[in-house]
C-alpha atoms as a PDB file:
ATOM      1  CA  MET A   1      82.326  24.428  -8.936  1.00  0.00           C
ATOM      2  CA  GLY A   2      84.010  26.767 -11.304  1.00  0.00           C
ATOM      3  CA  THR A   3      87.451  27.765 -10.335  1.00  0.00           C
ATOM      4  CA  THR A   4      90.144  30.289 -10.729  1.00  0.00           C
ATOM      5  CA  ALA A   5      93.695  29.435 -11.625  1.00  0.00           C
ATOM      6  CA  THR A   6      94.948  30.394  -8.175  1.00  0.00           C
ATOM      7  CA  ALA A   7      92.412  29.067  -5.721  1.00  0.00           C
ATOM      8  CA  PRO A   8      89.505  26.657  -5.695  1.00  0.00           C
ATOM      9  CA  VAL A   9      86.033  28.046  -5.318  1.00  0.00           C
ATOM     10  CA  ARG A  10      82.708  26.447  -6.150  1.00  0.00           C
ATOM     11  CA  VAL A  11      81.576  29.065  -8.685  1.00  0.00           C
ATOM     12  CA  GLY A  12      84.067  31.071 -10.681  1.00  0.00           C
ATOM     13  CA  LEU A  13      86.245  31.689 -13.732  1.00  0.00           C
ATOM     14  CA  LEU A  14      89.205  29.727 -14.998  1.00  0.00           C
ATOM     15  CA  LEU A  15      91.907  32.167 -16.125  1.00  0.00           C
ATOM     16  CA  ALA A  16      94.846  30.685 -18.011  1.00  0.00           C
ATOM     17  CA  ALA A  17      97.976  32.088 -19.347  1.00  0.00           C
ATOM     18  CA  VAL A  18      97.714  30.317 -22.750  1.00  0.00           C
ATOM     19  CA  LEU A  19      94.537  29.451 -24.648  1.00  0.00           C
ATOM     20  CA  GLY A  20      94.294  28.227 -28.209  1.00  0.00           C
ATOM     21  CA  LEU A  21      90.793  27.456 -29.605  1.00  0.00           C
ATOM     22  CA  GLY A  22      91.651  26.551 -33.172  1.00  0.00           C
ATOM     23  CA  GLY A  23      92.859  23.019 -32.840  1.00  0.00           C
ATOM     24  CA  CYS A  24      92.836  20.679 -29.945  1.00  0.00           C
ATOM     25  CA  HIS A  25      93.901  22.404 -26.675  1.00  0.00           C
ATOM     26  CA  GLY A  26      96.224  19.459 -26.079  1.00  0.00           C
ATOM     27  CA  ALA A  27      96.484  15.966 -27.476  1.00  0.00           C
ATOM     28  CA  SER A  28      94.792  12.704 -26.595  1.00  0.00           C
ATOM     29  CA  ASP A  29      97.048  10.357 -24.752  1.00  0.00           C
ATOM     30  CA  PRO A  30      96.832   6.841 -26.323  1.00  0.00           C
ATOM     31  CA  SER A  31      98.076   5.387 -23.112  1.00  0.00           C
ATOM     32  CA  SER A  32      94.933   6.694 -21.253  1.00  0.00           C
ATOM     33  CA  GLY A  33      92.813   4.185 -23.012  1.00  0.00           C
ATOM     34  CA  SER A  34      90.643   6.825 -24.644  1.00  0.00           C
ATOM     35  CA  ASP A  35      89.337   6.499 -28.222  1.00  0.00           C
ATOM     36  CA  SER A  36      86.908   8.477 -30.372  1.00  0.00           C
ATOM     37  CA  THR A  37      84.807   8.020 -33.450  1.00  0.00           C
ATOM     38  CA  ARG A  38      82.037   9.588 -35.471  1.00  0.00           C
ATOM     39  CA  PRO A  39      78.636   8.496 -33.992  1.00  0.00           C
ATOM     40  CA  THR A  40      77.161   5.513 -35.619  1.00  0.00           C
ATOM     41  CA  SER A  41      74.135   5.231 -33.335  1.00  0.00           C
ATOM     42  CA  ALA A  42      71.879   7.755 -31.460  1.00  0.00           C
ATOM     43  CA  ALA A  43      72.927   9.202 -28.224  1.00  0.00           C
ATOM     44  CA  PRO A  44      70.963   8.257 -25.024  1.00  0.00           C
ATOM     45  CA  SER A  45      67.797  10.277 -24.781  1.00  0.00           C
ATOM     46  CA  ALA A  46      66.725  12.399 -21.877  1.00  0.00           C
ATOM     47  CA  GLY A  47      64.576  10.780 -19.160  1.00  0.00           C
ATOM     48  CA  HIS A  48      63.689  11.979 -15.622  1.00  0.00           C
ATOM     49  CA  THR A  49      64.607  15.613 -14.965  1.00  0.00           C
ATOM     50  CA  LEU A  50      67.185  15.928 -12.072  1.00  0.00           C
ATOM     51  CA  PHE A  51      67.748  19.685 -12.280  1.00  0.00           C
ATOM     52  CA  THR A  52      66.511  22.524 -14.509  1.00  0.00           C
ATOM     53  CA  ASP A  53      66.868  26.257 -14.666  1.00  0.00           C
ATOM     54  CA  PRO A  54      64.914  28.470 -17.211  1.00  0.00           C
ATOM     55  CA  PHE A  55      67.223  31.358 -16.287  1.00  0.00           C
ATOM     56  CA  ASP A  56      64.344  33.709 -15.362  1.00  0.00           C
ATOM     57  CA  ASP A  57      66.466  34.877 -12.417  1.00  0.00           C
ATOM     58  CA  ASP A  58      69.538  33.833 -10.436  1.00  0.00           C
ATOM     59  CA  ALA A  59      67.632  31.875  -7.791  1.00  0.00           C
ATOM     60  CA  ASN A  60      70.144  29.057  -8.129  1.00  0.00           C
ATOM     61  CA  GLY A  61      73.243  31.195  -7.729  1.00  0.00           C
ATOM     62  CA  TRP A  62      75.061  31.090 -11.048  1.00  0.00           C
ATOM     63  CA  ALA A  63      76.347  34.631 -11.753  1.00  0.00           C
ATOM     64  CA  LEU A  64      79.717  35.959 -10.701  1.00  0.00           C
ATOM     65  CA  PRO A  65      80.485  39.585  -9.807  1.00  0.00           C
ATOM     66  CA  GLU A  66      81.433  41.744 -12.830  1.00  0.00           C
ATOM     67  CA  ASN A  67      85.075  42.536 -13.119  1.00  0.00           C
ATOM     68  CA  GLU A  68      87.288  44.294 -15.693  1.00  0.00           C
ATOM     69  CA  ASN A  69      87.402  41.208 -17.845  1.00  0.00           C
ATOM     70  CA  SER A  70      83.926  39.846 -17.894  1.00  0.00           C
ATOM     71  CA  ARG A  71      80.377  40.150 -16.783  1.00  0.00           C
ATOM     72  CA  MET A  72      77.558  37.714 -16.160  1.00  0.00           C
ATOM     73  CA  GLU A  73      73.908  38.779 -15.641  1.00  0.00           C
ATOM     74  CA  PHE A  74      70.366  37.622 -16.002  1.00  0.00           C
ATOM     75  CA  LEU A  75      68.678  39.738 -18.594  1.00  0.00           C
ATOM     76  CA  GLY A  76      65.337  39.261 -20.328  1.00  0.00           C
ATOM     77  CA  GLY A  77      65.024  35.585 -19.404  1.00  0.00           C
ATOM     78  CA  ASP A  78      68.634  34.742 -20.414  1.00  0.00           C
ATOM     79  CA  PHE A  79      71.875  34.118 -18.587  1.00  0.00           C
ATOM     80  CA  VAL A  80      74.249  36.548 -20.424  1.00  0.00           C
ATOM     81  CA  TRP A  81      78.066  36.069 -20.518  1.00  0.00           C
ATOM     82  CA  GLU A  82      80.251  38.766 -21.989  1.00  0.00           C
ATOM     83  CA  ALA A  83      84.046  38.914 -22.285  1.00  0.00           C
ATOM     84  CA  LYS A  84      84.932  42.602 -22.174  1.00  0.00           C
ATOM     85  CA  ARG A  85      88.624  42.381 -23.166  1.00  0.00           C
ATOM     86  CA  ALA A  86      91.308  39.757 -24.117  1.00  0.00           C
ATOM     87  CA  ALA A  87      92.092  37.955 -20.915  1.00  0.00           C
ATOM     88  CA  ASP A  88      92.104  34.197 -21.790  1.00  0.00           C
ATOM     89  CA  LEU A  89      88.709  33.746 -20.111  1.00  0.00           C
ATOM     90  CA  ARG A  90      87.516  30.175 -19.555  1.00  0.00           C
ATOM     91  CA  PRO A  91      84.344  30.354 -17.435  1.00  0.00           C
ATOM     92  CA  HIS A  92      83.490  27.028 -15.848  1.00  0.00           C
ATOM     93  CA  VAL A  93      80.307  27.558 -13.847  1.00  0.00           C
ATOM     94  CA  LEU A  94      77.655  25.600 -12.034  1.00  0.00           C
ATOM     95  CA  ALA A  95      74.667  26.492  -9.945  1.00  0.00           C
ATOM     96  CA  ALA A  96      75.709  27.196  -6.334  1.00  0.00           C
ATOM     97  CA  THR A  97      72.716  25.046  -5.151  1.00  0.00           C
ATOM     98  CA  LEU A  98      74.436  22.021  -6.874  1.00  0.00           C
ATOM     99  CA  GLY A  99      77.957  22.937  -5.836  1.00  0.00           C
ATOM    100  CA  ASP A 100      76.901  23.475  -2.214  1.00  0.00           C
ATOM    101  CA  ALA A 101      75.258  20.001  -2.239  1.00  0.00           C
ATOM    102  CA  PHE A 102      78.400  18.211  -3.561  1.00  0.00           C
ATOM    103  CA  ASP A 103      80.565  20.208  -1.069  1.00  0.00           C
ATOM    104  CA  ARG A 104      78.529  18.891   1.803  1.00  0.00           C
ATOM    105  CA  GLY A 105      78.823  15.375   0.477  1.00  0.00           C
ATOM    106  CA  ASP A 106      75.136  14.873  -0.337  1.00  0.00           C
ATOM    107  CA  GLY A 107      75.156  15.722  -4.001  1.00  0.00           C
ATOM    108  CA  PRO A 108      72.653  13.859  -6.238  1.00  0.00           C
ATOM    109  CA  GLN A 109      73.773  10.919  -8.351  1.00  0.00           C
ATOM    110  CA  MET A 110      74.927  12.563 -11.607  1.00  0.00           C
ATOM    111  CA  ARG A 111      77.395   9.971 -12.914  1.00  0.00           C
ATOM    112  CA  ASN A 112      75.001   8.949 -15.687  1.00  0.00           C
ATOM    113  CA  VAL A 113      73.252  12.026 -17.086  1.00  0.00           C
ATOM    114  CA  VAL A 114      72.139  13.919 -20.151  1.00  0.00           C
ATOM    115  CA  VAL A 115      72.985  17.595 -19.888  1.00  0.00           C
ATOM    116  CA  ARG A 116      71.236  20.054 -22.223  1.00  0.00           C
ATOM    117  CA  ALA A 117      71.485  23.833 -22.661  1.00  0.00           C
ATOM    118  CA  SER A 118      69.997  26.092 -25.377  1.00  0.00           C
ATOM    119  CA  VAL A 119      72.271  29.029 -26.281  1.00  0.00           C
ATOM    120  CA  THR A 120      72.724  31.810 -28.849  1.00  0.00           C
ATOM    121  CA  PRO A 121      76.318  33.055 -29.718  1.00  0.00           C
ATOM    122  CA  VAL A 122      75.850  36.739 -30.256  1.00  0.00           C
ATOM    123  CA  ARG A 123      79.378  37.905 -30.849  1.00  0.00           C
ATOM    124  CA  GLY A 124      82.959  36.532 -31.042  1.00  0.00           C
ATOM    125  CA  THR A 125      84.579  33.319 -32.070  1.00  0.00           C
ATOM    126  CA  GLY A 126      84.771  31.567 -28.646  1.00  0.00           C
ATOM    127  CA  ALA A 127      83.539  28.114 -27.773  1.00  0.00           C
ATOM    128  CA  MET A 128      80.711  27.238 -25.504  1.00  0.00           C
ATOM    129  CA  GLY A 129      79.114  24.163 -24.070  1.00  0.00           C
ATOM    130  CA  VAL A 130      78.420  22.008 -20.998  1.00  0.00           C
ATOM    131  CA  PHE A 131      80.344  19.727 -18.601  1.00  0.00           C
ATOM    132  CA  CYS A 132      79.568  16.707 -16.529  1.00  0.00           C
ATOM    133  CA  ARG A 133      81.226  14.680 -13.689  1.00  0.00           C
ATOM    134  CA  GLU A 134      83.100  17.482 -12.012  1.00  0.00           C
ATOM    135  CA  VAL A 135      85.223  15.703  -9.381  1.00  0.00           C
ATOM    136  CA  ARG A 136      88.226  16.266  -7.226  1.00  0.00           C
ATOM    137  CA  ASP A 137      91.591  15.770  -9.004  1.00  0.00           C
ATOM    138  CA  THR A 138      94.941  14.378  -7.903  1.00  0.00           C
ATOM    139  CA  ASP A 139      97.152  17.014  -9.572  1.00  0.00           C
ATOM    140  CA  SER A 140      94.659  20.026  -9.655  1.00  0.00           C
ATOM    141  CA  ASP A 141      91.581  21.031  -7.737  1.00  0.00           C
ATOM    142  CA  PHE A 142      88.882  19.587 -10.026  1.00  0.00           C
ATOM    143  CA  GLN A 143      88.524  17.656 -13.276  1.00  0.00           C
ATOM    144  CA  TRP A 144      85.596  17.005 -15.558  1.00  0.00           C
ATOM    145  CA  TYR A 145      84.320  16.056 -19.094  1.00  0.00           C
ATOM    146  CA  GLU A 146      83.501  19.034 -21.232  1.00  0.00           C
ATOM    147  CA  PHE A 147      81.540  19.296 -24.537  1.00  0.00           C
ATOM    148  CA  VAL A 148      82.173  22.500 -26.403  1.00  0.00           C
ATOM    149  CA  ALA A 149      81.322  23.913 -29.839  1.00  0.00           C
ATOM    150  CA  ARG A 150      81.584  26.982 -31.983  1.00  0.00           C
ATOM    151  CA  ASP A 151      81.162  27.584 -35.745  1.00  0.00           C
ATOM    152  CA  GLY A 152      83.624  25.147 -37.456  1.00  0.00           C
ATOM    153  CA  TYR A 153      84.647  23.223 -34.295  1.00  0.00           C
ATOM    154  CA  ALA A 154      83.404  20.914 -31.681  1.00  0.00           C
ATOM    155  CA  ALA A 155      85.138  18.660 -29.089  1.00  0.00           C
ATOM    156  CA  ILE A 156      84.693  16.295 -26.186  1.00  0.00           C
ATOM    157  CA  ARG A 157      87.541  16.785 -23.719  1.00  0.00           C
ATOM    158  CA  ARG A 158      88.744  15.836 -20.331  1.00  0.00           C
ATOM    159  CA  GLY A 159      89.712  19.053 -18.578  1.00  0.00           C
ATOM    160  CA  ASP A 160      90.870  20.249 -15.155  1.00  0.00           C
ATOM    161  CA  SER A 161      91.265  23.423 -13.096  1.00  0.00           C
ATOM    162  CA  ALA A 162      94.941  23.550 -13.842  1.00  0.00           C
ATOM    163  CA  GLY A 163      94.169  24.192 -17.577  1.00  0.00           C
ATOM    164  CA  HIS A 164      95.065  20.645 -18.851  1.00  0.00           C
ATOM    165  CA  LEU A 165      92.853  19.513 -21.725  1.00  0.00           C
ATOM    166  CA  ASP A 166      92.923  16.022 -23.151  1.00  0.00           C
ATOM    167  CA  VAL A 167      90.931  15.864 -26.354  1.00  0.00           C
ATOM    168  CA  LEU A 168      88.891  12.703 -26.612  1.00  0.00           C
ATOM    169  CA  ALA A 169      87.130  13.574 -29.901  1.00  0.00           C
ATOM    170  CA  ALA A 170      86.971  16.601 -32.118  1.00  0.00           C
ATOM    171  CA  THR A 171      85.561  17.779 -35.480  1.00  0.00           C
ATOM    172  CA  HIS A 172      85.974  20.835 -37.669  1.00  0.00           C
ATOM    173  CA  ASP A 173      82.701  20.040 -39.477  1.00  0.00           C
ATOM    174  CA  LEU A 174      80.026  22.001 -37.534  1.00  0.00           C
ATOM    175  CA  ASP A 175      77.659  24.825 -38.516  1.00  0.00           C
ATOM    176  CA  LEU A 176      76.944  27.076 -35.575  1.00  0.00           C
ATOM    177  CA  PRO A 177      76.788  30.660 -36.835  1.00  0.00           C
ATOM    178  CA  LEU A 178      76.370  33.817 -34.708  1.00  0.00           C
ATOM    179  CA  GLY A 179      72.817  34.842 -33.985  1.00  0.00           C
ATOM    180  CA  ARG A 180      71.282  31.345 -34.286  1.00  0.00           C
ATOM    181  CA  GLU A 181      70.040  29.529 -31.228  1.00  0.00           C
ATOM    182  CA  ALA A 182      71.387  25.992 -30.851  1.00  0.00           C
ATOM    183  CA  ALA A 183      70.680  23.100 -28.439  1.00  0.00           C
ATOM    184  CA  LEU A 184      73.919  21.573 -26.979  1.00  0.00           C
ATOM    185  CA  GLU A 185      73.523  18.241 -25.321  1.00  0.00           C
ATOM    186  CA  ALA A 186      76.058  15.961 -23.700  1.00  0.00           C
ATOM    187  CA  ALA A 187      75.428  12.354 -22.549  1.00  0.00           C
ATOM    188  CA  CYS A 188      77.779  10.831 -19.908  1.00  0.00           C
ATOM    189  CA  VAL A 189      76.996   7.142 -19.362  1.00  0.00           C
ATOM    190  CA  ASP A 190      79.115   4.271 -18.072  1.00  0.00           C
ATOM    191  CA  GLY A 191      79.033   1.212 -20.368  1.00  0.00           C
ATOM    192  CA  ALA A 192      78.886  -2.453 -19.365  1.00  0.00           C
ATOM    193  CA  ASP A 193      82.611  -2.682 -20.134  1.00  0.00           C
ATOM    194  CA  GLY A 194      83.389  -0.129 -17.340  1.00  0.00           C
ATOM    195  CA  ARG A 195      84.287   2.703 -19.732  1.00  0.00           C
ATOM    196  CA  ALA A 196      82.733   6.165 -19.821  1.00  0.00           C
ATOM    197  CA  ARG A 197      80.664   6.639 -23.029  1.00  0.00           C
ATOM    198  CA  LEU A 198      80.412  10.268 -24.032  1.00  0.00           C
ATOM    199  CA  TRP A 199      78.346  11.923 -26.720  1.00  0.00           C
ATOM    200  CA  LEU A 200      77.999  15.442 -27.942  1.00  0.00           C
ATOM    201  CA  SER A 201      74.809  16.368 -29.875  1.00  0.00           C
ATOM    202  CA  VAL A 202      73.922  19.627 -31.531  1.00  0.00           C
ATOM    203  CA  ASP A 203      70.281  20.400 -32.343  1.00  0.00           C
ATOM    204  CA  GLY A 204      69.339  16.790 -31.747  1.00  0.00           C
ATOM    205  CA  THR A 205      72.045  15.261 -33.977  1.00  0.00           C
ATOM    206  CA  ALA A 206      74.934  13.415 -32.411  1.00  0.00           C
ATOM    207  CA  VAL A 207      78.206  14.826 -33.856  1.00  0.00           C
ATOM    208  CA  LEU A 208      80.837  13.241 -31.593  1.00  0.00           C
ATOM    209  CA  VAL A 209      81.287  10.163 -29.388  1.00  0.00           C
ATOM    210  CA  ALA A 210      84.205   9.129 -27.248  1.00  0.00           C
ATOM    211  CA  ASN A 211      85.114   6.485 -24.735  1.00  0.00           C
ATOM    212  CA  ASP A 212      87.378   6.759 -21.651  1.00  0.00           C
ATOM    213  CA  SER A 213      88.618   3.621 -19.984  1.00  0.00           C
ATOM    214  CA  HIS A 214      89.523   5.548 -16.807  1.00  0.00           C
ATOM    215  CA  PRO A 215      86.058   7.071 -16.098  1.00  0.00           C
ATOM    216  CA  LEU A 216      85.530   9.964 -13.784  1.00  0.00           C
ATOM    217  CA  GLY A 217      83.105   9.473 -10.843  1.00  0.00           C
ATOM    218  CA  ASN A 218      79.951  11.157  -9.662  1.00  0.00           C
ATOM    219  CA  GLY A 219      80.020  14.943  -9.927  1.00  0.00           C
ATOM    220  CA  ALA A 220      78.092  18.032 -10.829  1.00  0.00           C
ATOM    221  CA  ALA A 221      77.282  19.390 -14.309  1.00  0.00           C
ATOM    222  CA  GLY A 222      77.319  22.940 -15.515  1.00  0.00           C
ATOM    223  CA  LEU A 223      78.258  25.479 -18.222  1.00  0.00           C
ATOM    224  CA  GLN A 224      81.571  26.085 -19.961  1.00  0.00           C
ATOM    225  CA  ALA A 225      82.947  28.575 -22.422  1.00  0.00           C
ATOM    226  CA  TYR A 226      86.347  29.684 -23.868  1.00  0.00           C
ATOM    227  CA  ASP A 227      87.164  33.089 -25.258  1.00  0.00           C
ATOM    228  CA  SER A 228      88.933  33.358 -28.639  1.00  0.00           C
ATOM    229  CA  PRO A 229      92.738  33.779 -28.608  1.00  0.00           C
ATOM    230  CA  ASP A 230      92.207  36.415 -31.195  1.00  0.00           C
ATOM    231  CA  LYS A 231      93.169  39.833 -29.731  1.00  0.00           C
ATOM    232  CA  ALA A 232      90.746  41.846 -31.909  1.00  0.00           C
ATOM    233  CA  SER A 233      88.048  43.506 -29.752  1.00  0.00           C
ATOM    234  CA  ASP A 234      85.221  42.208 -31.942  1.00  0.00           C
ATOM    235  CA  ALA A 235      86.368  38.569 -31.284  1.00  0.00           C
ATOM    236  CA  ARG A 236      85.346  38.790 -27.613  1.00  0.00           C
ATOM    237  CA  TYR A 237      82.387  36.483 -26.844  1.00  0.00           C
ATOM    238  CA  LEU A 238      78.930  37.523 -25.992  1.00  0.00           C
ATOM    239  CA  ILE A 239      76.715  34.472 -25.170  1.00  0.00           C
ATOM    240  CA  ARG A 240      73.092  34.190 -24.174  1.00  0.00           C
ATOM    241  CA  TRP A 241      72.211  30.979 -22.436  1.00  0.00           C
ATOM    242  CA  HIS A 242      68.435  30.385 -22.493  1.00  0.00           C
ATOM    243  CA  ASP A 243      67.990  27.368 -20.194  1.00  0.00           C
ATOM    244  CA  PHE A 244      69.872  24.450 -18.684  1.00  0.00           C
ATOM    245  CA  THR A 245      68.656  20.953 -17.674  1.00  0.00           C
ATOM    246  CA  ILE A 246      70.199  17.751 -16.247  1.00  0.00           C
ATOM    247  CA  TYR A 247      68.332  14.573 -16.950  1.00  0.00           C
ATOM    248  CA  ARG A 248      68.610  10.934 -16.008  1.00  0.00           C
ATOM    249  CA  PRO A 249      69.136   8.893 -19.237  1.00  0.00           C
ATOM    250  CA  ALA A 250      65.969   7.256 -20.427  1.00  0.00           C
ATOM    251  CA  SER A 251      65.911   3.478 -19.900  1.00  0.00           C
END
């Protein structure tokens, strides 16, 4: 999917009037039945591959047309995202091949998945990550679980295309400096108790886990980022995605 703030489209940018990266982007609602904790056990491991893209080219239809605020291009084996000026950019993007399948109603089963992307933050202080279970929403176009990180911050959140963000788990203890490649991995799995169990791992180490007693259904997975609220020009993000894969959790 990917959306704009004004109209739903399957691949696009989320543009919001207000964006704050430093803290929570909203608060958890205790009445939602969500809770979070530091991981005490390993996240589910990756099993059978459902979808993969090495980003050698745009055969799967990820990139958006360049505009005055941002550009996306495939360059040197990477999928490059650049914010060109302060514009509260929140790109939420998936492959058109996946989005088209879900739009037709014959999308693959991706309710229980492990989603992995390797990425290098080159410039800026924005957050980046992956999402899972993008489904239709009742008070916006789409909603999803997102797993985002930057140096000094990481979060698991329930977001939607209207800009609402419910933080299910967060930490300010994360080392993710500019120029260093990182592997970001999310696990989205329904537990025997009917709750969604959500993990965020960085470089193979689980850093956050959350539960949601009102789990989202079957939906696509993709890439997510947030530009910094800082207006300084050197704070604009430049991100190089190296690959993206969706797996079935190992049994």
